[in-house]
Protein backbone atom coordinates (compact mmCIF):
# COMPACT_ATOMS: atom_id res chain seq x y z
CA MET A 1 -236.08 11.37 46.40
CA SER A 2 -239.85 11.05 46.38
CA LYS A 3 -241.69 7.97 45.15
CA GLU A 4 -242.59 9.80 41.94
CA GLU A 5 -238.98 10.88 41.38
CA CYS A 6 -237.79 7.33 42.01
CA VAL A 7 -240.35 5.89 39.59
CA GLU A 8 -239.31 8.39 36.93
CA ALA A 9 -235.57 7.87 37.43
CA LEU A 10 -235.79 4.07 37.33
CA SER A 11 -237.98 4.22 34.25
CA LYS A 12 -235.65 6.59 32.45
CA HIS A 13 -232.25 5.22 33.48
CA ALA A 14 -232.93 1.52 34.07
CA ASN A 15 -235.93 0.89 31.83
CA ILE A 16 -237.96 -0.41 34.79
CA GLN A 17 -241.69 -0.06 34.24
CA PRO A 18 -243.33 2.41 36.63
CA VAL A 19 -245.86 -0.19 37.75
CA ILE A 20 -243.00 -2.40 38.97
CA THR A 21 -241.36 0.38 40.96
CA SER A 22 -244.69 1.46 42.44
CA THR A 23 -245.52 -2.10 43.47
CA VAL A 24 -242.14 -2.63 45.09
CA TRP A 25 -242.36 0.75 46.84
CA LYS A 26 -245.79 -0.14 48.29
CA GLU A 27 -244.49 -3.47 49.58
CA LEU A 28 -241.46 -1.79 51.11
CA GLU A 29 -243.77 0.69 52.85
CA LYS A 30 -245.78 -2.22 54.30
CA GLU A 31 -242.70 -4.05 55.55
CA ASN A 32 -240.83 -0.99 56.82
CA LYS A 33 -243.50 1.33 58.22
CA GLU A 34 -241.23 3.03 60.74
CA PHE A 35 -238.58 3.78 58.15
CA PHE A 36 -241.07 5.29 55.72
CA GLN A 37 -242.74 7.34 58.46
CA ALA A 38 -239.35 8.82 59.35
CA TYR A 39 -238.49 9.21 55.64
CA THR A 40 -241.76 11.03 54.94
CA LYS A 41 -241.35 13.31 57.97
CA SER A 42 -237.73 14.09 57.10
CA ARG A 43 -238.61 14.76 53.46
CA GLY A 44 -241.46 17.05 54.49
CA GLU A 45 -239.13 19.01 56.73
CA ARG A 46 -236.59 19.39 53.92
CA VAL A 47 -239.30 20.57 51.52
CA ALA A 48 -240.50 23.13 54.06
CA GLU A 49 -236.93 24.35 54.60
CA THR A 50 -236.39 24.68 50.86
CA GLU A 51 -239.63 26.61 50.42
CA THR A 52 -238.67 28.95 53.25
CA LYS A 53 -235.23 29.46 51.73
CA HIS A 54 -236.77 30.34 48.35
CA ARG A 55 -239.17 32.79 49.97
CA PHE A 56 -236.31 34.56 51.75
CA GLN A 57 -234.29 34.69 48.54
CA ASP A 58 -237.29 36.16 46.74
CA ILE A 59 -237.78 38.78 49.46
CA ILE A 60 -234.09 39.71 49.37
CA SER A 61 -234.11 39.88 45.59
CA LYS A 62 -237.15 42.17 45.58
CA SER A 63 -235.64 44.26 48.35
CA LYS A 64 -232.44 44.78 46.35
CA LYS A 65 -234.48 45.72 43.29
CA TYR A 66 -236.39 48.39 45.21
CA THR A 67 -233.31 49.82 46.92
CA LYS A 68 -231.56 50.30 43.55
CA ASP A 69 -234.39 52.53 42.29
């Protein structure tokens, strides 16, 4: 979950003001730099994998469309 997703979820489901979540997140980043560096890298890799997967699915979908014609 990204910071933005976390802020939104806590606001919606726990009625926690976004400014509170953002402030806590920033402090956690300061205190746990190594964790957040690994978290950010891992998240970036997952996003890249997901984008690649969607591109392949799109290519396959278009390929099937053209082979039916």
